[in-house]
């Protein structure tokens, strides 16, 4: 994934990890103490979850 495409409001699909297969809108992009980029994803039904940016694919 090209992290330059990662911006608030873009639609993404989680490709790996606990939330694999879920889709939603990217919010709250942050960098953790260890250097990993984390994001909050808000699904269409309003449910939010946090995941690593490396685990998502931007949907166009």
C-alpha atoms as a PDB file:
ATOM      1  CA  UNK A   1       0.000   0.000   0.000  1.00  0.00           C
ATOM      2  CA  UNK A   2       1.188   3.509  -0.760  1.00  0.00           C
ATOM      3  CA  UNK A   3       0.846   5.470   2.482  1.00  0.00           C
ATOM      4  CA  UNK A   4       0.612   8.750   0.551  1.00  0.00           C
ATOM      5  CA  UNK A   5      -2.944   7.696  -0.415  1.00  0.00           C
ATOM      6  CA  UNK A   6      -3.918   7.280   3.245  1.00  0.00           C
ATOM      7  CA  UNK A   7      -5.998  10.300   4.274  1.00  0.00           C
ATOM      8  CA  UNK A   8      -8.979  10.937   6.521  1.00  0.00           C
ATOM      9  CA  UNK A   9     -12.204  10.096   4.744  1.00  0.00           C
ATOM     10  CA  UNK A  10     -10.928   7.553   2.203  1.00  0.00           C
ATOM     11  CA  UNK A  11     -12.660   4.173   1.973  1.00  0.00           C
ATOM     12  CA  UNK A  12     -10.574   1.113   2.825  1.00  0.00           C
ATOM     13  CA  UNK A  13     -10.788  -2.643   3.302  1.00  0.00           C
ATOM     14  CA  UNK A  14      -8.820  -4.498   5.981  1.00  0.00           C
ATOM     15  CA  UNK A  15      -6.741  -7.229   4.343  1.00  0.00           C
ATOM     16  CA  UNK A  16      -5.063  -8.816   7.401  1.00  0.00           C
ATOM     17  CA  UNK A  17      -5.412  -9.214  11.138  1.00  0.00           C
ATOM     18  CA  UNK A  18      -8.352  -9.441  13.523  1.00  0.00           C
ATOM     19  CA  UNK A  19     -10.626  -7.207  11.422  1.00  0.00           C
ATOM     20  CA  UNK A  20      -9.831  -8.878   8.068  1.00  0.00           C
ATOM     21  CA  UNK A  21     -12.617  -8.367   5.521  1.00  0.00           C
ATOM     22  CA  UNK A  22     -14.177  -5.340   7.202  1.00  0.00           C
ATOM     23  CA  UNK A  23     -14.616  -2.112   5.249  1.00  0.00           C
ATOM     24  CA  UNK A  24     -15.038   1.492   6.262  1.00  0.00           C
ATOM     25  CA  UNK A  25     -13.798   5.063   6.240  1.00  0.00           C
ATOM     26  CA  UNK A  26     -10.356   6.017   7.577  1.00  0.00           C
ATOM     27  CA  UNK A  27     -10.220   8.403  10.545  1.00  0.00           C
ATOM     28  CA  UNK A  28      -7.667   9.396  13.188  1.00  0.00           C
ATOM     29  CA  UNK A  29      -4.294   8.537  11.603  1.00  0.00           C
ATOM     30  CA  UNK A  30      -1.541   8.351  14.232  1.00  0.00           C
ATOM     31  CA  UNK A  31       1.982   7.033  14.701  1.00  0.00           C
ATOM     32  CA  UNK A  32       2.572   4.835  17.751  1.00  0.00           C
ATOM     33  CA  UNK A  33       5.640   4.983  20.003  1.00  0.00           C
ATOM     34  CA  UNK A  34       7.102   2.009  18.138  1.00  0.00           C
ATOM     35  CA  UNK A  35       6.687   3.798  14.793  1.00  0.00           C
ATOM     36  CA  UNK A  36       3.682   1.866  13.457  1.00  0.00           C
ATOM     37  CA  UNK A  37       0.973   3.924  11.754  1.00  0.00           C
ATOM     38  CA  UNK A  38      -2.426   3.195  13.288  1.00  0.00           C
ATOM     39  CA  UNK A  39      -5.833   4.245  12.024  1.00  0.00           C
ATOM     40  CA  UNK A  40      -9.403   4.193  13.234  1.00  0.00           C
ATOM     41  CA  UNK A  41     -11.841   2.734  10.710  1.00  0.00           C
ATOM     42  CA  UNK A  42     -15.538   3.640  10.922  1.00  0.00           C
ATOM     43  CA  UNK A  43     -17.866   1.135   9.277  1.00  0.00           C
ATOM     44  CA  UNK A  44     -21.105   2.165   7.558  1.00  0.00           C
ATOM     45  CA  UNK A  45     -23.102   0.948  10.584  1.00  0.00           C
ATOM     46  CA  UNK A  46     -21.166   3.333  12.864  1.00  0.00           C
ATOM     47  CA  UNK A  47     -18.924   0.730  14.528  1.00  0.00           C
ATOM     48  CA  UNK A  48     -15.330   1.911  14.953  1.00  0.00           C
ATOM     49  CA  UNK A  49     -12.158  -0.134  15.355  1.00  0.00           C
ATOM     50  CA  UNK A  50      -8.416   0.509  15.340  1.00  0.00           C
ATOM     51  CA  UNK A  51      -5.998  -1.293  13.057  1.00  0.00           C
ATOM     52  CA  UNK A  52      -2.536  -0.921  11.563  1.00  0.00           C
ATOM     53  CA  UNK A  53      -2.265   1.057   8.342  1.00  0.00           C
ATOM     54  CA  UNK A  54      -0.155  -1.715   6.794  1.00  0.00           C
ATOM     55  CA  UNK A  55      -3.173  -4.053   7.119  1.00  0.00           C
ATOM     56  CA  UNK A  56      -5.512  -2.019   4.915  1.00  0.00           C
ATOM     57  CA  UNK A  57      -5.970  -1.506   1.200  1.00  0.00           C
ATOM     58  CA  UNK A  58      -7.407   1.752  -0.120  1.00  0.00           C
ATOM     59  CA  UNK A  59     -10.549   1.168  -2.217  1.00  0.00           C
ATOM     60  CA  UNK A  60     -10.946   3.435  -5.234  1.00  0.00           C
END
